[in-house]
Amino acid sequence: MGLAIAFWRRLKETGLFLTQRFGFDLLPLILLFAICVTGLGLTASSLWWGGQFYWFISLTHQMTVVLWLLMLPFGKFFHIIQRPASIGVTLYQTVNQDVDHYAQHTDDKHTIGTGQCKRCGHELPSEQFIAGLKGVLRDLGQDYTLNKEHDSLHDYCPTCKRLLRGQAYYHMMGKRFL
């Protein structure tokens, strides 16, 4: 029923009709419909047709599901994955910002707590989060070290990162910047 409503809205509502693109809006719905039909075909084959054509319907169903999963990041259904992931990241950062829970304490190597921007002092995600991010990027071969004191771009808030980039461009370009 939900699929029929989605098709109806895509085909009849003028606002959606004008802004939609086939590959991003209709193709995922068509593939989802094909998944439903082939899935029902599997049930029909096993219950009513004595398993006849089951291998063909099964293969068609599997290919349709794989096509839908492959195109998932390029369509609107990606929100199924993206929204819970973004909520999870926000929840992780919120929990790690709780100073009472993650109060400053020292382990064997260093002090753990919430970080602050090195330029303006704005509160950043936890030092544990930033250290994990730096480790993953280092493993991927990406180095964001800024100077000899080993400042990293991740030690600054988003506003200060933009200002630092602008200052670097200005110094690099000189008076030609403006």
N, C-alpha and C. Protein backbone atom coordinates (compact mmCIF):
# COMPACT_ATOMS: atom_id res chain seq x y z
N MET A 1 0.82 -1.19 0.00
CA MET A 1 0.00 0.00 0.00
C MET A 1 0.86 1.26 0.00
N GLY A 2 1.92 1.26 0.83
CA GLY A 2 2.81 2.41 0.89
C GLY A 2 3.51 2.67 -0.43
N LEU A 3 3.87 1.59 -1.12
CA LEU A 3 4.51 1.71 -2.42
C LEU A 3 3.56 2.32 -3.45
N ALA A 4 2.29 1.92 -3.39
CA ALA A 4 1.30 2.48 -4.31
C ALA A 4 1.10 3.97 -4.04
N ILE A 5 1.10 4.37 -2.78
CA ILE A 5 0.96 5.79 -2.43
C ILE A 5 2.17 6.57 -2.92
N ALA A 6 3.37 6.00 -2.77
CA ALA A 6 4.59 6.67 -3.24
C ALA A 6 4.54 6.86 -4.75
N PHE A 7 4.13 5.82 -5.49
CA PHE A 7 4.00 5.96 -6.95
C PHE A 7 2.96 7.02 -7.30
N TRP A 8 1.83 6.99 -6.63
CA TRP A 8 0.76 7.94 -6.90
C TRP A 8 1.25 9.38 -6.71
N ARG A 9 1.95 9.63 -5.61
CA ARG A 9 2.47 10.97 -5.34
C ARG A 9 3.48 11.39 -6.38
N ARG A 10 4.35 10.48 -6.79
CA ARG A 10 5.38 10.80 -7.78
C ARG A 10 4.79 11.11 -9.15
N LEU A 11 3.69 10.47 -9.47
CA LEU A 11 3.11 10.63 -10.81
C LEU A 11 2.04 11.72 -10.88
N LYS A 12 1.35 12.02 -9.79
CA LYS A 12 0.21 12.93 -9.85
C LYS A 12 0.46 14.31 -9.25
N GLU A 13 1.33 14.41 -8.26
CA GLU A 13 1.55 15.72 -7.63
C GLU A 13 2.52 16.54 -8.47
N THR A 14 2.09 17.67 -8.92
CA THR A 14 2.84 18.50 -9.86
C THR A 14 4.18 18.93 -9.28
N GLY A 15 4.21 19.32 -8.02
CA GLY A 15 5.46 19.77 -7.40
C GLY A 15 6.52 18.68 -7.39
N LEU A 16 6.11 17.46 -7.06
CA LEU A 16 7.05 16.34 -7.07
C LEU A 16 7.41 15.95 -8.50
N PHE A 17 6.45 16.01 -9.38
CA PHE A 17 6.67 15.60 -10.77
C PHE A 17 7.72 16.48 -11.44
N LEU A 18 7.71 17.77 -11.12
CA LEU A 18 8.65 18.70 -11.75
C LEU A 18 10.07 18.55 -11.22
N THR A 19 10.22 18.16 -9.98
CA THR A 19 11.56 18.11 -9.37
C THR A 19 12.18 16.72 -9.37
N GLN A 20 11.42 15.70 -9.67
CA GLN A 20 11.97 14.34 -9.56
C GLN A 20 12.84 13.99 -10.77
N ARG A 21 13.75 13.06 -10.52
CA ARG A 21 14.59 12.50 -11.56
C ARG A 21 14.38 10.99 -11.57
N PHE A 22 14.39 10.41 -12.72
CA PHE A 22 14.07 8.99 -12.85
C PHE A 22 15.00 8.13 -11.99
N GLY A 23 16.29 8.33 -12.10
CA GLY A 23 17.25 7.48 -11.39
C GLY A 23 17.22 7.64 -9.89
N PHE A 24 16.82 8.79 -9.40
CA PHE A 24 16.83 9.04 -7.97
C PHE A 24 15.47 8.86 -7.31
N ASP A 25 14.40 9.00 -8.07
CA ASP A 25 13.07 8.97 -7.48
C ASP A 25 12.23 7.76 -7.92
N LEU A 26 12.18 7.49 -9.20
CA LEU A 26 11.31 6.42 -9.69
C LEU A 26 12.00 5.05 -9.73
N LEU A 27 13.26 5.01 -10.14
CA LEU A 27 13.94 3.72 -10.24
C LEU A 27 14.00 2.97 -8.91
N PRO A 28 14.28 3.62 -7.77
CA PRO A 28 14.25 2.87 -6.51
C PRO A 28 12.86 2.29 -6.22
N LEU A 29 11.81 3.03 -6.55
CA LEU A 29 10.46 2.52 -6.32
C LEU A 29 10.14 1.36 -7.26
N ILE A 30 10.59 1.45 -8.50
CA ILE A 30 10.38 0.36 -9.45
C ILE A 30 11.10 -0.90 -8.97
N LEU A 31 12.34 -0.73 -8.52
CA LEU A 31 13.09 -1.89 -8.01
C LEU A 31 12.44 -2.47 -6.75
N LEU A 32 11.95 -1.61 -5.89
CA LEU A 32 11.26 -2.10 -4.69
C LEU A 32 10.00 -2.86 -5.06
N PHE A 33 9.29 -2.38 -6.06
CA PHE A 33 8.11 -3.09 -6.55
C PHE A 33 8.51 -4.45 -7.13
N ALA A 34 9.61 -4.49 -7.89
CA ALA A 34 10.10 -5.75 -8.45
C ALA A 34 10.51 -6.73 -7.35
N ILE A 35 11.09 -6.22 -6.28
CA ILE A 35 11.45 -7.08 -5.14
C ILE A 35 10.19 -7.70 -4.54
N CYS A 36 9.15 -6.89 -4.38
CA CYS A 36 7.87 -7.40 -3.83
C CYS A 36 7.27 -8.47 -4.74
N VAL A 37 7.23 -8.19 -6.03
CA VAL A 37 6.61 -9.12 -6.98
C VAL A 37 7.39 -10.43 -7.04
N THR A 38 8.71 -10.36 -7.12
CA THR A 38 9.50 -11.59 -7.19
C THR A 38 9.45 -12.35 -5.87
N GLY A 39 9.38 -11.64 -4.76
CA GLY A 39 9.23 -12.31 -3.47
C GLY A 39 7.91 -13.06 -3.38
N LEU A 40 6.83 -12.43 -3.84
CA LEU A 40 5.53 -13.11 -3.89
C LEU A 40 5.56 -14.27 -4.89
N GLY A 41 6.33 -14.09 -5.98
CA GLY A 41 6.48 -15.17 -6.95
C GLY A 41 7.15 -16.40 -6.34
N LEU A 42 8.11 -16.17 -5.44
CA LEU A 42 8.75 -17.30 -4.75
C LEU A 42 7.74 -18.06 -3.90
N THR A 43 6.90 -17.32 -3.21
CA THR A 43 5.86 -17.96 -2.39
C THR A 43 4.88 -18.72 -3.28
N ALA A 44 4.45 -18.10 -4.36
CA ALA A 44 3.51 -18.76 -5.28
C ALA A 44 4.13 -20.01 -5.88
N SER A 45 5.40 -19.94 -6.25
CA SER A 45 6.07 -21.10 -6.84
C SER A 45 6.12 -22.27 -5.87
N SER A 46 6.45 -21.98 -4.62
CA SER A 46 6.57 -23.09 -3.66
C SER A 46 5.20 -23.62 -3.20
N LEU A 47 4.18 -22.76 -3.11
CA LEU A 47 2.89 -23.21 -2.61
C LEU A 47 1.98 -23.78 -3.70
N TRP A 48 1.90 -23.11 -4.84
CA TRP A 48 0.89 -23.46 -5.83
C TRP A 48 1.45 -24.17 -7.06
N TRP A 49 2.73 -23.92 -7.39
CA TRP A 49 3.27 -24.49 -8.63
C TRP A 49 4.22 -25.64 -8.37
N GLY A 50 4.31 -26.10 -7.13
CA GLY A 50 5.16 -27.24 -6.80
C GLY A 50 6.64 -26.98 -7.01
N GLY A 51 7.07 -25.77 -6.85
CA GLY A 51 8.49 -25.43 -6.99
C GLY A 51 8.94 -25.19 -8.41
N GLN A 52 7.99 -25.22 -9.33
CA GLN A 52 8.34 -25.01 -10.73
C GLN A 52 8.81 -23.56 -10.94
N PHE A 53 9.88 -23.37 -11.67
CA PHE A 53 10.49 -22.07 -11.96
C PHE A 53 11.05 -21.39 -10.71
N TYR A 54 11.17 -22.12 -9.61
CA TYR A 54 11.65 -21.51 -8.36
C TYR A 54 13.07 -20.96 -8.53
N TRP A 55 13.95 -21.71 -9.21
CA TRP A 55 15.33 -21.26 -9.36
C TRP A 55 15.41 -19.97 -10.16
N PHE A 56 14.60 -19.83 -11.20
CA PHE A 56 14.60 -18.62 -12.02
C PHE A 56 14.05 -17.42 -11.24
N ILE A 57 12.94 -17.64 -10.55
CA ILE A 57 12.34 -16.55 -9.76
C ILE A 57 13.29 -16.15 -8.63
N SER A 58 13.92 -17.14 -8.01
CA SER A 58 14.88 -16.87 -6.93
C SER A 58 16.06 -16.05 -7.44
N LEU A 59 16.60 -16.43 -8.59
CA LEU A 59 17.72 -15.70 -9.17
C LEU A 59 17.31 -14.28 -9.54
N THR A 60 16.13 -14.12 -10.11
CA THR A 60 15.62 -12.79 -10.46
C THR A 60 15.44 -11.94 -9.21
N HIS A 61 14.89 -12.54 -8.16
CA HIS A 61 14.69 -11.83 -6.89
C HIS A 61 16.04 -11.40 -6.32
N GLN A 62 17.02 -12.29 -6.31
CA GLN A 62 18.34 -11.95 -5.77
C GLN A 62 18.99 -10.83 -6.56
N MET A 63 18.91 -10.89 -7.88
CA MET A 63 19.50 -9.83 -8.71
C MET A 63 18.80 -8.49 -8.47
N THR A 64 17.51 -8.51 -8.31
CA THR A 64 16.75 -7.28 -8.06
C THR A 64 17.15 -6.67 -6.72
N VAL A 65 17.27 -7.51 -5.71
CA VAL A 65 17.67 -7.01 -4.38
C VAL A 65 19.07 -6.43 -4.44
N VAL A 66 19.99 -7.11 -5.11
CA VAL A 66 21.36 -6.61 -5.22
C VAL A 66 21.39 -5.28 -5.97
N LEU A 67 20.65 -5.16 -7.06
CA LEU A 67 20.58 -3.89 -7.79
C LEU A 67 20.05 -2.77 -6.90
N TRP A 68 19.01 -3.08 -6.13
CA TRP A 68 18.44 -2.07 -5.23
C TRP A 68 19.46 -1.66 -4.18
N LEU A 69 20.19 -2.62 -3.61
CA LEU A 69 21.19 -2.30 -2.60
C LEU A 69 22.36 -1.51 -3.20
N LEU A 70 22.74 -1.83 -4.44
CA LEU A 70 23.84 -1.10 -5.08
C LEU A 70 23.47 0.35 -5.37
N MET A 71 22.23 0.59 -5.72
CA MET A 71 21.84 1.96 -6.04
C MET A 71 21.32 2.73 -4.82
N LEU A 72 21.25 2.05 -3.68
CA LEU A 72 20.75 2.66 -2.45
C LEU A 72 21.46 3.97 -2.08
N PRO A 73 22.81 4.03 -2.13
CA PRO A 73 23.47 5.30 -1.76
C PRO A 73 23.18 6.45 -2.72
N PHE A 74 22.65 6.16 -3.90
CA PHE A 74 22.43 7.20 -4.89
C PHE A 74 20.97 7.62 -4.98
N GLY A 75 20.13 7.13 -4.09
CA GLY A 75 18.71 7.46 -4.12
C GLY A 75 18.24 7.98 -2.78
N LYS A 76 16.98 8.27 -2.72
CA LYS A 76 16.41 8.82 -1.49
C LYS A 76 16.28 7.78 -0.39
N PHE A 77 16.30 6.49 -0.75
CA PHE A 77 16.21 5.46 0.28
C PHE A 77 17.47 5.40 1.14
N PHE A 78 18.54 6.10 0.75
CA PHE A 78 19.75 6.12 1.56
C PHE A 78 19.48 6.71 2.94
N HIS A 79 18.40 7.48 3.06
CA HIS A 79 18.05 8.03 4.37
C HIS A 79 17.75 6.93 5.38
N ILE A 80 17.40 5.75 4.91
CA ILE A 80 17.19 4.61 5.81
C ILE A 80 18.45 4.33 6.60
N ILE A 81 19.60 4.52 5.99
CA ILE A 81 20.89 4.28 6.65
C ILE A 81 21.44 5.58 7.24
N GLN A 82 21.34 6.66 6.48
CA GLN A 82 21.98 7.91 6.85
C GLN A 82 21.39 8.55 8.10
N ARG A 83 20.08 8.59 8.23
CA ARG A 83 19.47 9.26 9.38
C ARG A 83 19.81 8.60 10.71
N PRO A 84 19.66 7.26 10.84
CA PRO A 84 20.07 6.65 12.12
C PRO A 84 21.57 6.82 12.40
N ALA A 85 22.40 6.81 11.35
CA ALA A 85 23.83 7.00 11.56
C ALA A 85 24.13 8.41 12.08
N SER A 86 23.47 9.43 11.51
CA SER A 86 23.72 10.79 11.98
C SER A 86 23.20 10.99 13.40
N ILE A 87 22.10 10.35 13.73
CA ILE A 87 21.60 10.42 15.11
C ILE A 87 22.57 9.73 16.05
N GLY A 88 23.14 8.61 15.60
CA GLY A 88 24.13 7.90 16.42
C GLY A 88 25.37 8.74 16.67
N VAL A 89 25.86 9.45 15.66
CA VAL A 89 27.03 10.31 15.84
C VAL A 89 26.70 11.45 16.80
N THR A 90 25.53 12.06 16.64
CA THR A 90 25.12 13.14 17.54
C THR A 90 25.00 12.63 18.97
N LEU A 91 24.42 11.45 19.14
CA LEU A 91 24.30 10.87 20.48
C LEU A 91 25.67 10.58 21.07
N TYR A 92 26.59 10.04 20.26
CA TYR A 92 27.95 9.76 20.72
C TYR A 92 28.63 11.04 21.19
N GLN A 93 28.51 12.10 20.40
CA GLN A 93 29.14 13.36 20.76
C GLN A 93 28.50 13.96 22.01
N THR A 94 27.19 13.85 22.13
CA THR A 94 26.49 14.39 23.30
C THR A 94 26.92 13.65 24.57
N VAL A 95 26.98 12.35 24.50
CA VAL A 95 27.40 11.56 25.67
C VAL A 95 28.83 11.90 26.05
N ASN A 96 29.70 12.07 25.05
CA ASN A 96 31.09 12.38 25.34
C ASN A 96 31.30 13.81 25.78
N GLN A 97 30.33 14.69 25.59
CA GLN A 97 30.43 16.06 26.06
C GLN A 97 30.03 16.17 27.53
N ASP A 98 29.41 15.13 28.08
CA ASP A 98 28.96 15.14 29.47
C ASP A 98 30.19 15.15 30.38
N VAL A 99 30.56 16.33 30.87
CA VAL A 99 31.79 16.49 31.62
C VAL A 99 31.75 15.71 32.93
N ASP A 100 30.56 15.56 33.55
CA ASP A 100 30.48 14.79 34.79
C ASP A 100 30.82 13.32 34.54
N HIS A 101 30.40 12.80 33.41
CA HIS A 101 30.66 11.40 33.09
C HIS A 101 32.08 11.20 32.58
N TYR A 102 32.54 12.12 31.71
CA TYR A 102 33.89 12.03 31.14
C TYR A 102 34.75 13.15 31.71
N ALA A 103 34.75 13.28 33.00
CA ALA A 103 35.53 14.33 33.63
C ALA A 103 37.01 14.08 33.38
N GLN A 104 37.80 15.13 33.53
CA GLN A 104 39.23 15.00 33.31
C GLN A 104 39.80 13.93 34.24
N HIS A 105 40.45 12.95 33.65
CA HIS A 105 41.17 11.95 34.42
C HIS A 105 42.38 11.51 33.63
N THR A 106 43.33 10.91 34.29
CA THR A 106 44.57 10.54 33.64
C THR A 106 44.66 9.03 33.58
N ASP A 107 44.99 8.52 32.40
CA ASP A 107 45.31 7.10 32.31
C ASP A 107 46.83 6.99 32.19
N ASP A 108 47.33 5.87 31.76
CA ASP A 108 48.77 5.65 31.73
C ASP A 108 49.49 6.58 30.75
N LYS A 109 48.81 7.02 29.70
CA LYS A 109 49.49 7.77 28.66
C LYS A 109 49.19 9.27 28.66
N HIS A 110 47.92 9.65 28.89
CA HIS A 110 47.57 11.05 28.74
C HIS A 110 46.27 11.36 29.47
N THR A 111 45.94 12.66 29.50
CA THR A 111 44.72 13.12 30.14
C THR A 111 43.57 13.01 29.15
N ILE A 112 42.42 12.51 29.64
CA ILE A 112 41.26 12.33 28.78
C ILE A 112 40.15 13.26 29.27
N GLY A 113 39.48 13.94 28.36
CA GLY A 113 38.37 14.82 28.71
C GLY A 113 37.82 15.43 27.44
N THR A 114 37.03 16.49 27.61
CA THR A 114 36.52 17.16 26.41
C THR A 114 37.58 18.12 25.91
N GLY A 115 37.63 18.29 24.59
CA GLY A 115 38.62 19.17 24.00
C GLY A 115 38.09 20.58 23.83
N GLN A 116 39.03 21.50 23.59
CA GLN A 116 38.67 22.88 23.31
C GLN A 116 39.43 23.33 22.08
N CYS A 117 38.81 24.21 21.32
CA CYS A 117 39.44 24.77 20.14
C CYS A 117 40.69 25.53 20.56
N LYS A 118 41.80 25.31 19.87
CA LYS A 118 43.06 25.96 20.24
C LYS A 118 43.07 27.45 19.90
N ARG A 119 42.13 27.89 19.09
CA ARG A 119 42.10 29.30 18.70
C ARG A 119 41.11 30.10 19.55
N CYS A 120 39.86 29.62 19.66
CA CYS A 120 38.83 30.41 20.33
C CYS A 120 38.36 29.80 21.65
N GLY A 121 38.73 28.56 21.93
CA GLY A 121 38.34 27.92 23.18
C GLY A 121 36.97 27.27 23.15
N HIS A 122 36.30 27.27 22.00
CA HIS A 122 34.99 26.63 21.86
C HIS A 122 35.12 25.14 22.16
N GLU A 123 34.13 24.58 22.82
CA GLU A 123 34.17 23.17 23.20
C GLU A 123 34.05 22.27 21.97
N LEU A 124 34.91 21.27 21.90
CA LEU A 124 34.94 20.31 20.79
C LEU A 124 34.43 18.96 21.29
N PRO A 125 34.25 18.00 20.38
CA PRO A 125 33.95 16.64 20.83
C PRO A 125 35.07 16.13 21.75
N SER A 126 34.84 15.02 22.40
CA SER A 126 35.79 14.53 23.38
C SER A 126 37.16 14.28 22.76
N GLU A 127 38.18 14.35 23.60
CA GLU A 127 39.54 14.07 23.14
C GLU A 127 39.65 12.65 22.62
N GLN A 128 38.88 11.74 23.22
CA GLN A 128 38.88 10.35 22.77
C GLN A 128 38.36 10.28 21.32
N PHE A 129 37.32 11.03 21.00
CA PHE A 129 36.76 11.06 19.65
C PHE A 129 37.78 11.64 18.68
N ILE A 130 38.42 12.75 19.04
CA ILE A 130 39.39 13.40 18.16
C ILE A 130 40.62 12.51 17.98
N ALA A 131 41.07 11.86 19.06
CA ALA A 131 42.22 10.95 18.94
C ALA A 131 41.89 9.77 18.03
N GLY A 132 40.67 9.24 18.14
CA GLY A 132 40.25 8.15 17.26
C GLY A 132 40.19 8.60 15.80
N LEU A 133 39.67 9.81 15.57
CA LEU A 133 39.60 10.36 14.22
C LEU A 133 40.99 10.54 13.62
N LYS A 134 41.91 11.10 14.42
CA LYS A 134 43.28 11.28 13.94
C LYS A 134 43.93 9.93 13.63
N GLY A 135 43.67 8.92 14.46
CA GLY A 135 44.24 7.59 14.22
C GLY A 135 43.74 6.97 12.94
N VAL A 136 42.44 7.08 12.70
CA VAL A 136 41.86 6.51 11.47
C VAL A 136 42.41 7.22 10.24
N LEU A 137 42.47 8.56 10.30
CA LEU A 137 43.00 9.31 9.16
C LEU A 137 44.48 9.02 8.93
N ARG A 138 45.24 8.85 10.00
CA ARG A 138 46.65 8.50 9.87
C ARG A 138 46.79 7.13 9.20
N ASP A 139 45.95 6.18 9.60
CA ASP A 139 45.96 4.85 8.97
C ASP A 139 45.61 4.92 7.49
N LEU A 140 44.78 5.89 7.11
CA LEU A 140 44.39 6.07 5.71
C LEU A 140 45.40 6.90 4.92
N GLY A 141 46.46 7.35 5.60
CA GLY A 141 47.49 8.13 4.93
C GLY A 141 47.15 9.60 4.77
N GLN A 142 46.25 10.11 5.58
CA GLN A 142 45.87 11.52 5.50
C GLN A 142 46.42 12.25 6.73
N ASP A 143 47.26 13.25 6.49
CA ASP A 143 47.90 13.99 7.58
C ASP A 143 47.41 15.43 7.56
N TYR A 144 46.85 15.89 8.67
CA TYR A 144 46.34 17.25 8.76
C TYR A 144 47.14 18.07 9.77
N THR A 145 48.43 17.74 9.93
CA THR A 145 49.30 18.48 10.82
C THR A 145 49.57 19.86 10.22
N LEU A 146 49.48 20.91 11.05
CA LEU A 146 49.59 22.27 10.55
C LEU A 146 50.98 22.87 10.73
N ASN A 147 51.68 22.57 11.83
CA ASN A 147 52.96 23.21 12.09
C ASN A 147 53.87 22.31 12.91
N LYS A 148 55.03 22.88 13.29
CA LYS A 148 56.04 22.09 14.01
C LYS A 148 55.58 21.67 15.41
N GLU A 149 54.69 22.43 16.00
CA GLU A 149 54.19 22.09 17.34
C GLU A 149 53.18 20.95 17.28
N HIS A 150 52.97 20.39 16.10
CA HIS A 150 52.07 19.26 15.87
C HIS A 150 50.61 19.60 16.09
N ASP A 151 50.24 20.87 15.86
CA ASP A 151 48.82 21.20 15.84
C ASP A 151 48.19 20.49 14.65
N SER A 152 46.99 20.04 14.84
CA SER A 152 46.26 19.37 13.77
C SER A 152 45.02 20.18 13.45
N LEU A 153 44.54 20.07 12.24
CA LEU A 153 43.33 20.78 11.85
C LEU A 153 42.14 20.34 12.72
N HIS A 154 42.22 19.15 13.28
CA HIS A 154 41.13 18.63 14.11
C HIS A 154 41.11 19.24 15.51
N ASP A 155 42.12 20.06 15.84
CA ASP A 155 42.17 20.72 17.14
C ASP A 155 41.44 22.06 17.13
N TYR A 156 40.72 22.35 16.03
CA TYR A 156 40.03 23.62 15.88
C TYR A 156 38.55 23.38 15.57
N CYS A 157 37.72 24.34 15.97
CA CYS A 157 36.28 24.26 15.68
C CYS A 157 36.06 24.57 14.20
N PRO A 158 34.88 24.26 13.65
CA PRO A 158 34.63 24.52 12.23
C PRO A 158 34.83 25.97 11.81
N THR A 159 34.43 26.93 12.65
CA THR A 159 34.60 28.34 12.31
C THR A 159 36.07 28.70 12.20
N CYS A 160 36.86 28.24 13.17
CA CYS A 160 38.29 28.55 13.14
C CYS A 160 39.00 27.83 12.00
N LYS A 161 38.53 26.64 11.63
CA LYS A 161 39.10 25.95 10.47
C LYS A 161 38.92 26.79 9.21
N ARG A 162 37.73 27.37 9.03
CA ARG A 162 37.48 28.21 7.86
C ARG A 162 38.37 29.45 7.89
N LEU A 163 38.52 30.06 9.08
CA LEU A 163 39.38 31.24 9.19
C LEU A 163 40.83 30.89 8.90
N LEU A 164 41.30 29.76 9.40
CA LEU A 164 42.68 29.35 9.14
C LEU A 164 42.92 29.11 7.65
N ARG A 165 41.95 28.47 6.99
CA ARG A 165 42.08 28.26 5.55
C ARG A 165 42.13 29.59 4.80
N GLY A 166 41.24 30.52 5.18
CA GLY A 166 41.22 31.83 4.54
C GLY A 166 42.53 32.58 4.75
N GLN A 167 43.08 32.53 5.97
CA GLN A 167 44.36 33.18 6.24
C GLN A 167 45.48 32.55 5.42
N ALA A 168 45.47 31.23 5.31
CA ALA A 168 46.50 30.54 4.52
C ALA A 168 46.40 30.93 3.05
N TYR A 169 45.19 31.00 2.50
CA TYR A 169 45.02 31.42 1.11
C TYR A 169 45.48 32.86 0.92
N TYR A 170 45.16 33.71 1.88
CA TYR A 170 45.55 35.11 1.78
C TYR A 170 47.07 35.25 1.77
N HIS A 171 47.75 34.54 2.68
CA HIS A 171 49.21 34.60 2.74
C HIS A 171 49.85 34.01 1.49
N MET A 172 49.24 32.97 0.95
CA MET A 172 49.77 32.33 -0.24
C MET A 172 49.59 33.24 -1.46
N MET A 173 48.44 33.86 -1.58
CA MET A 173 48.15 34.67 -2.76
C MET A 173 48.61 36.12 -2.63
N GLY A 174 48.85 36.57 -1.41
CA GLY A 174 49.26 37.96 -1.22
C GLY A 174 48.14 38.91 -1.58
N LYS A 175 48.46 40.00 -2.23
CA LYS A 175 47.46 41.01 -2.60
C LYS A 175 46.56 40.55 -3.74
N ARG A 176 46.91 39.48 -4.43
CA ARG A 176 46.09 38.98 -5.52
C ARG A 176 44.84 38.26 -4.99
N PHE A 177 44.78 38.03 -3.69
CA PHE A 177 43.67 37.29 -3.08
C PHE A 177 42.34 38.01 -3.28
N LEU A 178 42.35 39.33 -3.13
CA LEU A 178 41.13 40.11 -3.27
C LEU A 178 41.05 40.57 -4.69
